[in-house]
Amino acid sequence: MISVLIVLMFSAPVKAEVVEKTLAVVNSEIVMESDLKLLQKRMTKPGMVDDALLMDKSVESLKGDRKAQLDYLINEKIIESEIKRLNLTITNDRVESEFKDMAKRNNVPESELENILKGQGISSAEYKVFLKEKIEKQSLMDQEIISKLRISDDDALNEYLKNNPNSRPSIDEFSVAHIFFSPKKGGPEAAYKRAETVLAKLRNGESFETLAEQYSEDPNFSSGGTLGTFKSGEFLPEIEAAISNLKVGETTGIVKSRLGYHIGKLTGKKLTTDPKFEKAKERIKAQLLETSFKRQLKFWLQNKRDESFVRINE
């Protein structure tokens, strides 16, 4: 009887203890096989993988690349180490508060937000863990990288001109007056002679505005011969060419245009930025900031890797 019991004891199957595989060690943090499987699950759920850590790769390209997945996790652990070192860890109360704010921003109750996440295969507990890590990472990125980035208006302008080589960075805005002589009144030659007479009076010191009142044949005449204010390219090219190098208050000689003859006066001039650039400036600066951030993040991570203890067991 005793011998039978002994046989039974030794022949009973022994249940082996499962020991999880360690894939990498990053400072005091460990990357386990379960971390890799969890990342693979996260990749199937929208928004659960940090695009910034993909280094311009897509989530799809990460799915079939175990080495790239491990690299992603190592970067996460380096960031986690830095968050702890700089004491940027946040409390669960802060996470709960942020979750409530998210619901308010989307005009839904918290229960509805939880249902939306559930429809995407994400539990509220799982999302709150992700949210905590996201807030902590953002604090780290703000402190270590974003606060040091500088994108100026000149940077945006250079980028705009690179993509729009035919654009002008700035545009002259002219205020112009003229004295007009119409060829419809006695023909071109007679109009030119009238213009010569008035020009002589102007050069003898008579007032431009007074001469305009007396002699201008502009059918839409306004006081002082004022034409208005124009940006470069908006009015008669012959007059623009004649006044473009004048100082404010100076007058032209006789200028021929398709309408007749003019004596022009520059009454005001200023430089204005290209309105198309002004409209696009903030969008361009945001794009440059994003590009610069990705470049600096890559550089920062590499430096931190060089400073850290990293052992890969794969």
Protein backbone atom coordinates (compact mmCIF):
# COMPACT_ATOMS: atom_id res chain seq x y z
CA MET A 1 0.00 0.00 0.00
CA ILE A 2 2.81 2.34 0.93
CA SER A 3 4.66 1.58 -2.31
CA VAL A 4 1.55 2.37 -4.35
CA LEU A 5 1.22 5.76 -2.64
CA ILE A 6 4.85 6.56 -3.34
CA VAL A 7 4.39 5.71 -7.03
CA LEU A 8 1.30 7.87 -7.21
CA MET A 9 3.07 10.80 -5.57
CA PHE A 10 6.01 10.71 -7.96
CA SER A 11 3.95 10.05 -11.07
CA ALA A 12 1.56 12.97 -10.48
CA PRO A 13 2.12 15.78 -13.01
CA VAL A 14 4.09 18.75 -11.71
CA LYS A 15 2.66 22.14 -12.74
CA ALA A 16 5.54 24.33 -13.97
CA GLU A 17 5.59 27.96 -12.85
CA VAL A 18 5.34 30.35 -15.82
CA VAL A 19 8.08 32.95 -15.73
CA GLU A 20 7.46 36.00 -17.96
CA LYS A 21 10.21 36.92 -20.37
CA THR A 22 12.14 40.15 -19.86
CA LEU A 23 12.74 41.83 -23.22
CA ALA A 24 14.75 44.85 -22.11
CA VAL A 25 15.93 46.79 -19.07
CA VAL A 26 15.87 50.58 -19.18
CA ASN A 27 17.47 52.14 -16.09
CA SER A 28 15.26 50.77 -13.29
CA GLU A 29 12.36 49.98 -15.65
CA ILE A 30 11.72 46.57 -17.20
CA VAL A 31 10.09 45.87 -20.57
CA MET A 32 8.27 42.54 -20.38
CA GLU A 33 6.71 40.30 -23.02
CA SER A 34 3.33 41.32 -21.58
CA ASP A 35 4.17 44.98 -22.31
CA LEU A 36 4.72 44.07 -25.95
CA LYS A 37 1.40 42.21 -26.11
CA LEU A 38 -0.35 45.14 -24.47
CA LEU A 39 1.16 47.51 -27.06
CA GLN A 40 -0.05 45.21 -29.83
CA LYS A 41 -3.57 45.46 -28.41
CA ARG A 42 -3.28 49.25 -28.07
CA MET A 43 -2.34 49.47 -31.76
CA THR A 44 -5.79 48.15 -32.71
CA LYS A 45 -7.53 50.94 -30.79
CA PRO A 46 -7.74 54.49 -32.12
CA GLY A 47 -5.60 57.11 -30.39
CA MET A 48 -3.95 54.70 -27.93
CA VAL A 49 -0.47 54.96 -29.48
CA ASP A 50 1.52 58.21 -29.21
CA ASP A 51 2.14 59.46 -32.76
CA ALA A 52 5.13 61.55 -31.62
CA LEU A 53 7.02 58.37 -30.60
CA LEU A 54 6.41 56.72 -33.98
CA MET A 55 9.10 58.98 -35.52
CA ASP A 56 7.15 59.63 -38.73
CA LYS A 57 6.14 55.97 -39.05
CA SER A 58 2.53 54.84 -39.17
CA VAL A 59 0.80 52.62 -36.63
CA GLU A 60 0.25 50.15 -39.48
CA SER A 61 4.00 49.86 -40.13
CA LEU A 62 4.54 49.23 -36.42
CA LYS A 63 2.10 46.32 -36.33
CA GLY A 64 4.25 43.82 -38.17
CA ASP A 65 7.63 44.92 -36.79
CA ARG A 66 8.53 43.42 -33.39
CA LYS A 67 11.87 45.28 -33.30
CA ALA A 68 10.14 48.62 -33.90
CA GLN A 69 7.58 47.78 -31.21
CA LEU A 70 10.33 47.08 -28.69
CA ASP A 71 12.07 50.31 -29.70
CA TYR A 72 8.81 52.19 -29.09
CA LEU A 73 8.48 50.63 -25.62
CA ILE A 74 12.08 51.52 -24.74
CA ASN A 75 11.37 55.14 -25.66
CA GLU A 76 8.27 55.03 -23.45
CA LYS A 77 10.34 53.70 -20.54
CA ILE A 78 12.97 56.42 -21.01
CA ILE A 79 10.21 59.02 -20.88
CA GLU A 80 8.72 57.31 -17.82
CA SER A 81 12.11 57.48 -16.09
CA GLU A 82 12.41 61.19 -16.86
CA ILE A 83 8.89 61.90 -15.60
CA LYS A 84 9.79 60.28 -12.27
CA ARG A 85 13.18 62.01 -12.10
CA LEU A 86 11.63 65.44 -12.68
CA ASN A 87 8.70 64.72 -10.34
CA LEU A 88 6.09 65.27 -13.05
CA THR A 89 3.86 62.37 -11.99
CA ILE A 90 0.22 63.39 -11.57
CA THR A 91 -2.42 62.10 -9.14
CA ASN A 92 -5.47 60.01 -9.98
CA ASP A 93 -7.63 62.96 -8.89
CA ARG A 94 -6.07 65.02 -11.67
CA VAL A 95 -6.87 62.26 -14.16
CA GLU A 96 -10.48 62.05 -12.99
CA SER A 97 -10.78 65.83 -13.31
CA GLU A 98 -9.39 65.73 -16.85
CA PHE A 99 -11.80 62.93 -17.78
CA LYS A 100 -14.73 65.04 -16.54
CA ASP A 101 -13.44 68.03 -18.53
CA MET A 102 -13.26 65.86 -21.64
CA ALA A 103 -16.91 64.93 -21.22
CA LYS A 104 -17.85 68.61 -20.80
CA ARG A 105 -15.85 69.67 -23.88
CA ASN A 106 -17.71 67.05 -25.92
CA ASN A 107 -21.08 68.02 -24.38
CA VAL A 108 -21.78 64.50 -23.12
CA PRO A 109 -22.17 63.03 -19.62
CA GLU A 110 -19.30 60.88 -18.33
CA SER A 111 -21.38 57.73 -18.75
CA GLU A 112 -21.84 58.55 -22.45
CA LEU A 113 -18.11 59.17 -22.87
CA GLU A 114 -17.47 55.77 -21.31
CA ASN A 115 -19.91 54.20 -23.78
CA ILE A 116 -18.16 55.92 -26.70
CA LEU A 117 -14.81 54.54 -25.54
CA LYS A 118 -16.37 51.11 -25.00
CA GLY A 119 -17.61 51.19 -28.60
CA GLN A 120 -13.99 51.61 -29.66
CA GLY A 121 -12.92 48.66 -27.52
CA ILE A 122 -11.44 50.83 -24.75
CA SER A 123 -12.52 50.55 -21.12
CA SER A 124 -12.66 53.74 -19.05
CA ALA A 125 -10.01 52.34 -16.68
CA GLU A 126 -7.71 51.58 -19.62
CA TYR A 127 -8.26 55.04 -21.08
CA LYS A 128 -7.56 56.76 -17.75
CA VAL A 129 -4.20 55.00 -17.55
CA PHE A 130 -3.46 56.24 -21.07
CA LEU A 131 -4.71 59.74 -20.16
CA LYS A 132 -2.44 59.87 -17.09
CA GLU A 133 0.58 58.92 -19.18
CA LYS A 134 -0.42 61.41 -21.88
CA ILE A 135 -0.67 64.35 -19.45
CA GLU A 136 2.65 63.45 -17.82
CA LYS A 137 4.35 63.13 -21.21
CA GLN A 138 2.95 66.47 -22.31
CA SER A 139 4.34 68.14 -19.18
CA LEU A 140 7.73 66.59 -19.88
CA MET A 141 7.69 67.62 -23.55
CA ASP A 142 6.65 71.17 -22.62
CA GLN A 143 9.49 71.47 -20.13
CA GLU A 144 12.25 69.72 -22.05
CA ILE A 145 11.50 70.55 -25.70
CA ILE A 146 8.53 72.78 -26.60
CA SER A 147 9.49 75.65 -24.26
CA LYS A 148 12.85 75.86 -26.07
CA LEU A 149 11.47 76.00 -29.60
CA ARG A 150 11.30 79.37 -31.35
CA ILE A 151 9.45 79.85 -34.64
CA SER A 152 9.56 83.47 -35.83
CA ASP A 153 7.52 85.34 -38.43
CA ASP A 154 10.68 85.39 -40.57
CA ASP A 155 10.87 81.59 -40.40
CA ALA A 156 7.27 81.42 -41.59
CA LEU A 157 7.94 83.95 -44.36
CA ASN A 158 10.98 82.01 -45.61
CA GLU A 159 8.90 78.82 -45.71
CA TYR A 160 6.10 80.65 -47.54
CA LEU A 161 8.52 82.04 -50.16
CA LYS A 162 10.11 78.62 -50.60
CA ASN A 163 6.70 77.19 -51.50
CA ASN A 164 5.56 80.29 -53.42
CA PRO A 165 8.69 81.49 -55.25
CA ASN A 166 6.80 84.04 -57.36
CA SER A 167 5.28 85.81 -54.35
CA ARG A 168 6.60 89.07 -52.95
CA PRO A 169 7.30 89.18 -49.21
CA SER A 170 5.90 92.70 -49.00
CA ILE A 171 3.85 95.04 -51.13
CA ASP A 172 4.11 98.81 -51.56
CA GLU A 173 0.96 100.73 -50.87
CA PHE A 174 0.79 104.12 -52.63
CA SER A 175 -1.44 107.15 -52.12
CA VAL A 176 -1.52 109.02 -55.43
CA ALA A 177 -2.87 112.22 -56.95
CA HIS A 178 -2.70 113.24 -60.62
CA ILE A 179 -3.45 115.94 -63.14
CA PHE A 180 -4.96 114.31 -66.20
CA PHE A 181 -4.97 115.48 -69.84
CA SER A 182 -7.38 113.70 -72.16
CA PRO A 183 -6.54 113.03 -75.83
CA LYS A 184 -10.29 113.11 -76.48
CA LYS A 185 -10.03 116.88 -76.17
CA GLY A 186 -8.25 117.97 -79.38
CA GLY A 187 -6.18 114.81 -79.89
CA PRO A 188 -3.01 113.36 -78.29
CA GLU A 189 -0.62 116.10 -79.44
CA ALA A 190 -2.78 118.90 -78.05
CA ALA A 191 -3.22 116.99 -74.77
CA TYR A 192 0.56 116.58 -74.46
CA LYS A 193 1.11 120.32 -75.05
CA ARG A 194 -1.39 121.19 -72.30
CA ALA A 195 0.49 118.79 -70.01
CA GLU A 196 3.80 120.55 -70.83
CA THR A 197 2.28 123.93 -69.94
CA VAL A 198 1.04 122.73 -66.57
CA LEU A 199 4.33 120.94 -65.83
CA ALA A 200 6.20 124.18 -66.42
CA LYS A 201 3.92 125.97 -63.93
CA LEU A 202 4.49 123.17 -61.40
CA ARG A 203 8.26 123.47 -61.76
CA ASN A 204 7.99 127.19 -61.28
CA GLY A 205 6.62 126.52 -57.81
CA GLU A 206 2.87 126.61 -58.26
CA SER A 207 0.79 124.31 -56.07
CA PHE A 208 0.08 120.84 -57.46
CA GLU A 209 -3.36 120.82 -55.83
CA THR A 210 -4.26 124.25 -57.26
CA LEU A 211 -3.10 123.26 -60.75
CA ALA A 212 -5.10 120.04 -60.49
CA GLU A 213 -8.21 122.05 -59.60
CA GLN A 214 -7.63 124.35 -62.57
CA TYR A 215 -6.40 122.03 -65.32
CA SER A 216 -7.15 118.36 -64.66
CA GLU A 217 -9.46 116.78 -67.23
CA ASP A 218 -10.25 113.71 -65.15
CA PRO A 219 -14.03 113.15 -65.48
CA ASN A 220 -14.05 111.67 -61.96
CA PHE A 221 -11.98 114.51 -60.51
CA SER A 222 -11.71 114.77 -56.74
CA SER A 223 -10.20 117.56 -54.67
CA GLY A 224 -6.45 117.96 -55.20
CA GLY A 225 -6.51 115.39 -57.99
CA THR A 226 -6.58 112.55 -55.45
CA LEU A 227 -6.81 109.11 -57.06
CA GLY A 228 -6.78 107.11 -53.81
CA THR A 229 -4.59 104.43 -52.22
CA PHE A 230 -3.44 101.38 -54.18
CA LYS A 231 -1.30 98.35 -53.55
CA SER A 232 1.41 97.56 -56.04
CA GLY A 233 -0.14 96.05 -59.16
CA GLU A 234 -3.59 97.48 -58.56
CA PHE A 235 -3.43 100.60 -60.73
CA LEU A 236 -2.00 101.90 -64.02
CA PRO A 237 1.45 100.32 -64.44
CA GLU A 238 2.90 103.41 -66.16
CA ILE A 239 2.00 105.62 -63.19
CA GLU A 240 3.22 103.01 -60.69
CA ALA A 241 6.56 102.79 -62.48
CA ALA A 242 6.86 106.59 -62.48
CA ILE A 243 6.09 107.09 -58.78
CA SER A 244 7.71 103.95 -57.33
CA ASN A 245 11.06 105.65 -56.70
CA LEU A 246 9.66 109.03 -55.61
CA LYS A 247 9.71 110.36 -52.07
CA VAL A 248 6.39 111.39 -50.57
CA GLY A 249 5.46 114.85 -51.89
CA GLU A 250 7.48 114.55 -55.11
CA THR A 251 5.91 114.70 -58.57
CA THR A 252 6.54 112.94 -61.88
CA GLY A 253 7.13 114.31 -65.32
CA ILE A 254 4.55 113.71 -68.03
CA VAL A 255 3.49 110.05 -68.03
CA LYS A 256 1.70 108.48 -70.96
CA SER A 257 -0.86 105.75 -70.34
CA ARG A 258 -3.56 104.07 -72.40
CA LEU A 259 -5.95 106.74 -71.07
CA GLY A 260 -3.90 109.81 -71.92
CA TYR A 261 -1.26 111.93 -70.17
CA HIS A 262 -0.70 112.37 -66.44
CA ILE A 263 1.41 114.35 -64.04
CA GLY A 264 1.47 112.31 -60.85
CA LYS A 265 2.22 113.08 -57.21
CA LEU A 266 3.07 110.58 -54.48
CA THR A 267 1.12 111.70 -51.41
CA GLY A 268 1.83 108.66 -49.24
CA LYS A 269 3.67 105.33 -49.25
CA LYS A 270 4.01 102.40 -46.90
CA LEU A 271 5.13 98.80 -47.04
CA THR A 272 2.52 96.20 -46.23
CA THR A 273 2.96 92.43 -45.87
CA ASP A 274 1.57 90.21 -48.59
CA PRO A 275 -2.03 89.54 -47.41
CA LYS A 276 -1.86 85.95 -48.69
CA PHE A 277 1.11 85.34 -46.42
CA GLU A 278 -0.64 87.00 -43.47
CA LYS A 279 -3.58 84.66 -43.94
CA ALA A 280 -1.35 81.58 -44.04
CA LYS A 281 1.22 82.67 -41.41
CA GLU A 282 -0.18 80.99 -38.29
CA ARG A 283 -0.82 77.72 -40.14
CA ILE A 284 2.77 77.74 -41.47
CA LYS A 285 4.17 78.47 -37.99
CA ALA A 286 2.17 75.56 -36.54
CA GLN A 287 3.55 73.23 -39.23
CA LEU A 288 7.12 74.41 -38.62
CA LEU A 289 6.66 73.97 -34.88
CA GLU A 290 5.45 70.39 -35.34
CA THR A 291 8.36 69.56 -37.67
CA SER A 292 10.86 71.14 -35.29
CA PHE A 293 9.33 69.32 -32.31
CA LYS A 294 9.63 65.92 -34.01
CA ARG A 295 13.24 66.61 -34.93
CA GLN A 296 14.15 67.77 -31.41
CA LEU A 297 12.26 64.88 -29.79
CA LYS A 298 14.30 62.40 -31.83
CA PHE A 299 17.51 64.18 -30.81
CA TRP A 300 16.41 64.36 -27.14
CA LEU A 301 15.51 60.66 -27.01
CA GLN A 302 18.83 59.67 -28.53
CA ASN A 303 20.69 61.76 -25.93
CA LYS A 304 18.68 60.20 -23.12
CA ARG A 305 19.38 56.72 -24.49
CA ASP A 306 23.09 57.51 -24.52
CA GLU A 307 22.85 58.63 -20.89
CA SER A 308 20.70 55.68 -19.78
CA PHE A 309 21.39 52.06 -19.02
CA VAL A 310 19.65 50.09 -21.77
CA ARG A 311 20.04 46.31 -22.15
CA ILE A 312 18.05 44.45 -24.80
CA ASN A 313 17.59 40.70 -24.30
CA GLU A 314 16.00 39.95 -27.68
